[in-house]
Amino acid sequence: MILSASEISRRLSDGDLVIRDYSSACQQPASYDLRAADDAVLQRGACTLVPSIERVELPADIAGTLRCRSSYARRGVLLGGGFVDPGFRGQLTLCLTNCGPKNIPLCRGDRVVQMILYCVQNGDRLYSGKYLDSRGVVEG
């Protein structure tokens, strides 16, 4: 089940879901738009790593998928990776590859990626990998 805007808001209010630097302008009907934390230029033909402004903390019963916003996809931007396990805490590193014909400027605060949140039934394991509590860009 995908979490709706009202369910995301309720879970944020309850405190079990955390999105630090939350902006109501980024809340969509069934997703939340993540913003770029840094200015960057998405060079044609290259992958650029950009951290999200938001720091997220997912409880055991929520997972997320990341999708490139269509306004960037229409210009040829692809998002690499895109799953956020229950228990993840930290900033997300957005892996953006520009397959379009032109360099694309990216400004701090631009909404680049949608995070879709899902309920996880019987969630009993939490993420404990190397990206836990990440800050800024974390390279693989």
N, C-alpha and C. Protein backbone atom coordinates (compact mmCIF):
# COMPACT_ATOMS: atom_id res chain seq x y z
N MET A 1 0.84 -1.18 0.00
CA MET A 1 0.00 0.00 0.00
C MET A 1 0.89 1.25 0.00
N ILE A 2 0.61 2.16 -0.89
CA ILE A 2 1.33 3.44 -0.97
C ILE A 2 0.72 4.39 0.06
N LEU A 3 1.58 5.12 0.78
CA LEU A 3 1.09 6.09 1.75
C LEU A 3 0.61 7.36 1.04
N SER A 4 -0.56 7.82 1.41
CA SER A 4 -1.12 9.06 0.88
C SER A 4 -0.51 10.25 1.61
N ALA A 5 -0.76 11.44 1.09
CA ALA A 5 -0.28 12.66 1.74
C ALA A 5 -0.80 12.76 3.17
N SER A 6 -2.07 12.42 3.39
CA SER A 6 -2.62 12.51 4.75
C SER A 6 -1.98 11.49 5.68
N GLU A 7 -1.66 10.31 5.17
CA GLU A 7 -1.01 9.30 6.00
C GLU A 7 0.44 9.69 6.29
N ILE A 8 1.12 10.25 5.30
CA ILE A 8 2.49 10.74 5.53
C ILE A 8 2.46 11.82 6.61
N SER A 9 1.54 12.75 6.51
CA SER A 9 1.42 13.83 7.51
C SER A 9 1.13 13.27 8.89
N ARG A 10 0.23 12.28 8.97
CA ARG A 10 -0.09 11.68 10.26
C ARG A 10 1.13 11.00 10.87
N ARG A 11 1.87 10.26 10.03
CA ARG A 11 3.05 9.55 10.53
C ARG A 11 4.15 10.53 10.94
N LEU A 12 4.26 11.64 10.23
CA LEU A 12 5.22 12.69 10.63
C LEU A 12 4.82 13.29 11.97
N SER A 13 3.54 13.55 12.15
CA SER A 13 3.05 14.12 13.41
C SER A 13 3.25 13.16 14.58
N ASP A 14 3.04 11.86 14.31
CA ASP A 14 3.23 10.85 15.35
C ASP A 14 4.70 10.69 15.72
N GLY A 15 5.59 11.08 14.81
CA GLY A 15 7.02 11.02 15.09
C GLY A 15 7.71 9.73 14.71
N ASP A 16 6.97 8.74 14.18
CA ASP A 16 7.66 7.50 13.82
C ASP A 16 8.28 7.58 12.43
N LEU A 17 7.79 8.48 11.58
CA LEU A 17 8.41 8.80 10.30
C LEU A 17 9.02 10.19 10.43
N VAL A 18 10.26 10.34 9.99
CA VAL A 18 10.93 11.62 10.10
C VAL A 18 11.42 12.06 8.72
N ILE A 19 11.06 13.28 8.35
CA ILE A 19 11.65 13.94 7.18
C ILE A 19 12.09 15.31 7.67
N ARG A 20 13.39 15.45 7.99
CA ARG A 20 13.91 16.73 8.47
C ARG A 20 14.05 17.69 7.30
N ASP A 21 13.81 18.95 7.55
CA ASP A 21 13.73 19.97 6.52
C ASP A 21 12.55 19.71 5.60
N TYR A 22 11.48 19.15 6.19
CA TYR A 22 10.22 18.90 5.48
C TYR A 22 9.67 20.22 4.96
N SER A 23 9.11 20.19 3.76
CA SER A 23 8.45 21.35 3.18
C SER A 23 7.09 20.91 2.65
N SER A 24 6.03 21.58 3.07
CA SER A 24 4.69 21.22 2.59
C SER A 24 4.59 21.38 1.07
N ALA A 25 5.39 22.26 0.49
CA ALA A 25 5.39 22.44 -0.97
C ALA A 25 5.89 21.20 -1.70
N CYS A 26 6.62 20.34 -1.00
CA CYS A 26 7.15 19.12 -1.60
C CYS A 26 6.21 17.93 -1.43
N GLN A 27 5.18 18.09 -0.61
CA GLN A 27 4.25 16.99 -0.37
C GLN A 27 3.29 16.87 -1.56
N GLN A 28 3.29 15.71 -2.17
CA GLN A 28 2.40 15.41 -3.29
C GLN A 28 1.31 14.46 -2.81
N PRO A 29 0.27 14.19 -3.61
CA PRO A 29 -0.83 13.33 -3.16
C PRO A 29 -0.39 11.94 -2.68
N ALA A 30 0.65 11.36 -3.31
CA ALA A 30 1.10 10.02 -2.91
C ALA A 30 2.62 9.89 -2.97
N SER A 31 3.33 11.00 -2.73
CA SER A 31 4.79 10.98 -2.71
C SER A 31 5.29 12.26 -2.06
N TYR A 32 6.59 12.30 -1.87
CA TYR A 32 7.24 13.50 -1.33
C TYR A 32 8.42 13.81 -2.24
N ASP A 33 8.54 15.06 -2.69
CA ASP A 33 9.64 15.47 -3.57
C ASP A 33 10.88 15.78 -2.75
N LEU A 34 11.98 15.11 -3.08
CA LEU A 34 13.27 15.39 -2.45
C LEU A 34 13.97 16.49 -3.23
N ARG A 35 14.65 17.37 -2.49
CA ARG A 35 15.32 18.52 -3.09
C ARG A 35 16.83 18.34 -3.07
N ALA A 36 17.48 18.93 -4.06
CA ALA A 36 18.94 18.92 -4.14
C ALA A 36 19.52 19.80 -3.03
N ALA A 37 20.53 19.30 -2.33
CA ALA A 37 21.17 20.05 -1.25
C ALA A 37 22.27 20.98 -1.77
N ASP A 38 22.74 20.74 -2.99
CA ASP A 38 23.85 21.52 -3.54
C ASP A 38 23.53 21.99 -4.94
N ASP A 39 24.17 23.06 -5.35
CA ASP A 39 24.17 23.45 -6.76
C ASP A 39 25.05 22.46 -7.51
N ALA A 40 24.66 22.13 -8.72
CA ALA A 40 25.46 21.22 -9.54
C ALA A 40 25.09 21.43 -11.00
N VAL A 41 25.93 20.94 -11.87
CA VAL A 41 25.61 20.89 -13.29
C VAL A 41 25.62 19.42 -13.67
N LEU A 42 24.49 18.95 -14.19
CA LEU A 42 24.40 17.58 -14.67
C LEU A 42 24.99 17.57 -16.08
N GLN A 43 26.25 17.14 -16.15
CA GLN A 43 26.97 17.14 -17.42
C GLN A 43 26.40 16.08 -18.35
N ARG A 44 26.28 16.44 -19.60
CA ARG A 44 25.79 15.51 -20.62
C ARG A 44 26.63 14.24 -20.61
N GLY A 45 25.98 13.09 -20.50
CA GLY A 45 26.67 11.81 -20.54
C GLY A 45 27.33 11.38 -19.25
N ALA A 46 27.11 12.11 -18.17
CA ALA A 46 27.80 11.79 -16.91
C ALA A 46 26.81 11.56 -15.77
N CYS A 47 27.27 10.79 -14.80
CA CYS A 47 26.52 10.55 -13.57
C CYS A 47 27.02 11.54 -12.53
N THR A 48 26.10 12.24 -11.90
CA THR A 48 26.43 13.21 -10.85
C THR A 48 25.74 12.79 -9.57
N LEU A 49 26.50 12.76 -8.47
CA LEU A 49 25.93 12.42 -7.16
C LEU A 49 25.59 13.71 -6.44
N VAL A 50 24.35 13.82 -5.98
CA VAL A 50 23.86 15.02 -5.30
C VAL A 50 23.12 14.57 -4.03
N PRO A 51 23.45 15.13 -2.87
CA PRO A 51 22.70 14.77 -1.67
C PRO A 51 21.35 15.46 -1.63
N SER A 52 20.40 14.81 -0.97
CA SER A 52 19.10 15.45 -0.74
C SER A 52 19.23 16.43 0.43
N ILE A 53 18.43 17.49 0.39
CA ILE A 53 18.35 18.39 1.55
C ILE A 53 17.80 17.61 2.74
N GLU A 54 16.80 16.80 2.45
CA GLU A 54 16.08 16.10 3.51
C GLU A 54 16.89 14.97 4.12
N ARG A 55 16.74 14.83 5.41
CA ARG A 55 17.25 13.66 6.13
C ARG A 55 16.01 12.85 6.49
N VAL A 56 16.01 11.59 6.12
CA VAL A 56 14.85 10.75 6.40
C VAL A 56 15.19 9.68 7.42
N GLU A 57 14.18 9.29 8.17
CA GLU A 57 14.29 8.18 9.12
C GLU A 57 13.03 7.35 8.95
N LEU A 58 13.20 6.14 8.42
CA LEU A 58 12.06 5.26 8.17
C LEU A 58 11.93 4.23 9.28
N PRO A 59 10.71 4.04 9.78
CA PRO A 59 10.49 3.00 10.79
C PRO A 59 10.45 1.62 10.15
N ALA A 60 10.29 0.58 10.94
CA ALA A 60 10.33 -0.81 10.46
C ALA A 60 9.20 -1.15 9.50
N ASP A 61 8.13 -0.38 9.51
CA ASP A 61 6.99 -0.73 8.65
C ASP A 61 6.83 0.19 7.44
N ILE A 62 7.88 0.95 7.09
CA ILE A 62 7.84 1.81 5.90
C ILE A 62 9.13 1.64 5.09
N ALA A 63 8.96 1.50 3.77
CA ALA A 63 10.09 1.50 2.82
C ALA A 63 9.77 2.54 1.75
N GLY A 64 10.78 2.94 1.02
CA GLY A 64 10.56 3.94 -0.02
C GLY A 64 11.22 3.57 -1.33
N THR A 65 10.63 4.04 -2.42
CA THR A 65 11.28 3.97 -3.71
C THR A 65 11.49 5.39 -4.19
N LEU A 66 12.54 5.58 -4.97
CA LEU A 66 12.87 6.89 -5.52
C LEU A 66 12.67 6.85 -7.02
N ARG A 67 12.07 7.92 -7.54
CA ARG A 67 11.84 8.06 -8.98
C ARG A 67 12.23 9.47 -9.40
N CYS A 68 12.81 9.59 -10.56
CA CYS A 68 13.14 10.90 -11.10
C CYS A 68 11.85 11.64 -11.40
N ARG A 69 11.77 12.90 -11.04
CA ARG A 69 10.59 13.69 -11.39
C ARG A 69 10.52 13.83 -12.91
N SER A 70 9.31 13.84 -13.43
CA SER A 70 9.12 13.82 -14.88
C SER A 70 9.70 15.06 -15.56
N SER A 71 9.73 16.19 -14.85
CA SER A 71 10.29 17.41 -15.46
C SER A 71 11.77 17.24 -15.78
N TYR A 72 12.49 16.42 -15.01
CA TYR A 72 13.89 16.13 -15.31
C TYR A 72 14.00 14.97 -16.29
N ALA A 73 13.15 13.97 -16.14
CA ALA A 73 13.18 12.83 -17.05
C ALA A 73 12.93 13.26 -18.49
N ARG A 74 12.08 14.25 -18.68
CA ARG A 74 11.78 14.75 -20.02
C ARG A 74 12.99 15.41 -20.68
N ARG A 75 13.98 15.79 -19.87
CA ARG A 75 15.21 16.38 -20.41
C ARG A 75 16.32 15.36 -20.51
N GLY A 76 16.00 14.08 -20.20
CA GLY A 76 16.98 13.02 -20.36
C GLY A 76 17.68 12.58 -19.09
N VAL A 77 17.21 13.01 -17.92
CA VAL A 77 17.85 12.62 -16.66
C VAL A 77 17.29 11.28 -16.19
N LEU A 78 18.19 10.38 -15.86
CA LEU A 78 17.82 9.08 -15.29
C LEU A 78 18.31 9.02 -13.85
N LEU A 79 17.56 8.35 -13.00
CA LEU A 79 17.94 8.16 -11.61
C LEU A 79 18.44 6.74 -11.42
N GLY A 80 19.65 6.60 -10.90
CA GLY A 80 20.19 5.28 -10.58
C GLY A 80 19.88 4.94 -9.14
N GLY A 81 19.69 3.68 -8.88
CA GLY A 81 19.32 3.26 -7.53
C GLY A 81 17.87 3.63 -7.26
N GLY A 82 17.47 3.55 -6.05
CA GLY A 82 16.14 4.02 -5.78
C GLY A 82 15.31 3.25 -4.79
N PHE A 83 15.90 2.49 -3.88
CA PHE A 83 15.13 1.83 -2.83
C PHE A 83 15.68 2.25 -1.48
N VAL A 84 14.78 2.57 -0.56
CA VAL A 84 15.17 2.97 0.79
C VAL A 84 14.56 1.95 1.75
N ASP A 85 15.41 1.19 2.40
CA ASP A 85 14.96 0.13 3.30
C ASP A 85 14.39 0.67 4.61
N PRO A 86 13.48 -0.09 5.24
CA PRO A 86 13.03 0.26 6.59
C PRO A 86 14.24 0.39 7.51
N GLY A 87 14.19 1.38 8.37
CA GLY A 87 15.29 1.60 9.31
C GLY A 87 16.37 2.52 8.81
N PHE A 88 16.31 2.92 7.53
CA PHE A 88 17.32 3.84 7.01
C PHE A 88 17.19 5.18 7.71
N ARG A 89 18.34 5.77 8.02
CA ARG A 89 18.42 7.13 8.57
C ARG A 89 19.52 7.86 7.84
N GLY A 90 19.24 9.08 7.40
CA GLY A 90 20.28 9.89 6.79
C GLY A 90 19.79 10.65 5.58
N GLN A 91 20.74 11.40 5.00
CA GLN A 91 20.47 12.06 3.73
C GLN A 91 20.57 11.00 2.64
N LEU A 92 19.85 11.20 1.57
CA LEU A 92 19.90 10.27 0.45
C LEU A 92 20.83 10.83 -0.63
N THR A 93 21.65 9.97 -1.20
CA THR A 93 22.51 10.35 -2.32
C THR A 93 21.74 10.06 -3.59
N LEU A 94 21.49 11.09 -4.38
CA LEU A 94 20.75 10.96 -5.62
C LEU A 94 21.75 10.78 -6.76
N CYS A 95 21.66 9.65 -7.47
CA CYS A 95 22.57 9.33 -8.57
C CYS A 95 21.89 9.72 -9.88
N LEU A 96 22.23 10.88 -10.42
CA LEU A 96 21.54 11.44 -11.57
C LEU A 96 22.44 11.37 -12.80
N THR A 97 21.97 10.69 -13.84
CA THR A 97 22.71 10.58 -15.08
C THR A 97 21.98 11.37 -16.16
N ASN A 98 22.71 12.27 -16.80
CA ASN A 98 22.13 13.10 -17.85
C ASN A 98 22.39 12.44 -19.20
N CYS A 99 21.32 11.87 -19.78
CA CYS A 99 21.41 11.24 -21.11
C CYS A 99 20.90 12.18 -22.19
N GLY A 100 20.56 13.39 -21.81
CA GLY A 100 20.03 14.36 -22.76
C GLY A 100 21.11 15.05 -23.55
N PRO A 101 20.71 15.94 -24.46
CA PRO A 101 21.66 16.59 -25.36
C PRO A 101 22.39 17.80 -24.76
N LYS A 102 21.92 18.30 -23.62
CA LYS A 102 22.51 19.52 -23.04
C LYS A 102 22.85 19.32 -21.57
N ASN A 103 23.83 20.08 -21.09
CA ASN A 103 24.10 20.13 -19.65
C ASN A 103 22.87 20.74 -18.97
N ILE A 104 22.59 20.27 -17.75
CA ILE A 104 21.41 20.73 -17.03
C ILE A 104 21.84 21.31 -15.69
N PRO A 105 21.60 22.60 -15.47
CA PRO A 105 21.94 23.17 -14.16
C PRO A 105 20.94 22.70 -13.10
N LEU A 106 21.47 22.46 -11.92
CA LEU A 106 20.66 22.04 -10.78
C LEU A 106 20.98 23.00 -9.64
N CYS A 107 19.97 23.60 -9.08
CA CYS A 107 20.16 24.57 -7.99
C CYS A 107 19.72 23.97 -6.67
N ARG A 108 20.40 24.39 -5.61
CA ARG A 108 20.00 23.96 -4.27
C ARG A 108 18.51 24.26 -4.11
N GLY A 109 17.77 23.28 -3.63
CA GLY A 109 16.34 23.44 -3.40
C GLY A 109 15.47 22.95 -4.54
N ASP A 110 16.08 22.65 -5.70
CA ASP A 110 15.28 22.12 -6.81
C ASP A 110 14.72 20.75 -6.42
N ARG A 111 13.44 20.55 -6.71
CA ARG A 111 12.79 19.26 -6.47
C ARG A 111 13.14 18.35 -7.64
N VAL A 112 13.90 17.29 -7.34
CA VAL A 112 14.48 16.46 -8.39
C VAL A 112 13.91 15.05 -8.40
N VAL A 113 13.68 14.50 -7.24
CA VAL A 113 13.31 13.08 -7.11
C VAL A 113 12.06 12.95 -6.25
N GLN A 114 11.18 12.02 -6.62
CA GLN A 114 10.01 11.70 -5.81
C GLN A 114 10.32 10.49 -4.95
N MET A 115 9.96 10.57 -3.67
CA MET A 115 10.08 9.42 -2.77
C MET A 115 8.66 8.91 -2.50
N ILE A 116 8.41 7.69 -2.91
CA ILE A 116 7.12 7.05 -2.69
C ILE A 116 7.28 6.11 -1.50
N LEU A 117 6.41 6.25 -0.51
CA LEU A 117 6.51 5.48 0.72
C LEU A 117 5.47 4.37 0.73
N TYR A 118 5.88 3.19 1.17
CA TYR A 118 5.04 1.99 1.19
C TYR A 118 5.01 1.40 2.59
N CYS A 119 3.88 0.77 2.92
CA CYS A 119 3.80 -0.01 4.16
C CYS A 119 4.50 -1.34 3.94
N VAL A 120 5.23 -1.80 4.95
CA VAL A 120 5.89 -3.09 4.92
C VAL A 120 5.20 -3.96 5.97
N GLN A 121 4.55 -5.02 5.53
CA GLN A 121 3.85 -5.89 6.46
C GLN A 121 4.84 -6.73 7.25
N ASN A 122 4.60 -6.82 8.54
CA ASN A 122 5.42 -7.63 9.44
C ASN A 122 6.89 -7.26 9.38
N GLY A 123 7.19 -5.96 9.22
CA GLY A 123 8.58 -5.51 9.16
C GLY A 123 9.30 -5.83 10.47
N ASP A 124 10.33 -6.65 10.38
CA ASP A 124 11.05 -7.03 11.59
C ASP A 124 12.56 -6.86 11.46
N ARG A 125 13.01 -6.37 10.31
CA ARG A 125 14.44 -6.11 10.12
C ARG A 125 14.63 -4.68 9.70
N LEU A 126 15.68 -4.08 10.23
CA LEU A 126 16.01 -2.69 9.91
C LEU A 126 17.32 -2.64 9.12
N TYR A 127 17.41 -1.66 8.25
CA TYR A 127 18.64 -1.44 7.48
C TYR A 127 19.79 -1.16 8.43
N SER A 128 20.93 -1.78 8.16
CA SER A 128 22.12 -1.55 8.99
C SER A 128 23.38 -1.46 8.14
N GLY A 129 23.24 -1.07 6.88
CA GLY A 129 24.36 -1.03 5.95
C GLY A 129 25.23 0.20 6.09
N LYS A 130 26.17 0.34 5.16
CA LYS A 130 27.19 1.39 5.25
C LYS A 130 26.65 2.79 5.02
N TYR A 131 25.43 2.92 4.51
CA TYR A 131 24.88 4.25 4.24
C TYR A 131 24.05 4.79 5.41
N LEU A 132 23.93 4.02 6.49
CA LEU A 132 23.18 4.45 7.67
C LEU A 132 23.80 5.71 8.26
N ASP A 133 22.96 6.67 8.58
CA ASP A 133 23.37 7.98 9.15
C ASP A 133 24.25 8.77 8.19
N SER A 134 24.02 8.60 6.89
CA SER A 134 24.83 9.31 5.89
C SER A 134 24.56 10.81 5.91
N ARG A 135 25.60 11.56 5.56
CA ARG A 135 25.53 13.00 5.42
C ARG A 135 26.24 13.38 4.14
N GLY A 136 25.59 14.23 3.35
CA GLY A 136 26.19 14.63 2.09
C GLY A 136 26.24 13.46 1.13
N VAL A 137 27.06 13.59 0.10
CA VAL A 137 27.20 12.53 -0.90
C VAL A 137 28.01 11.40 -0.30
N VAL A 138 27.49 10.19 -0.45
CA VAL A 138 28.22 9.00 -0.04
C VAL A 138 28.45 8.18 -1.30
N GLU A 139 29.70 8.03 -1.67
CA GLU A 139 30.03 7.26 -2.87
C GLU A 139 30.08 5.78 -2.53
N GLY A 140 29.83 4.95 -3.57
CA GLY A 140 29.79 3.50 -3.38
C GLY A 140 31.14 2.95 -3.20
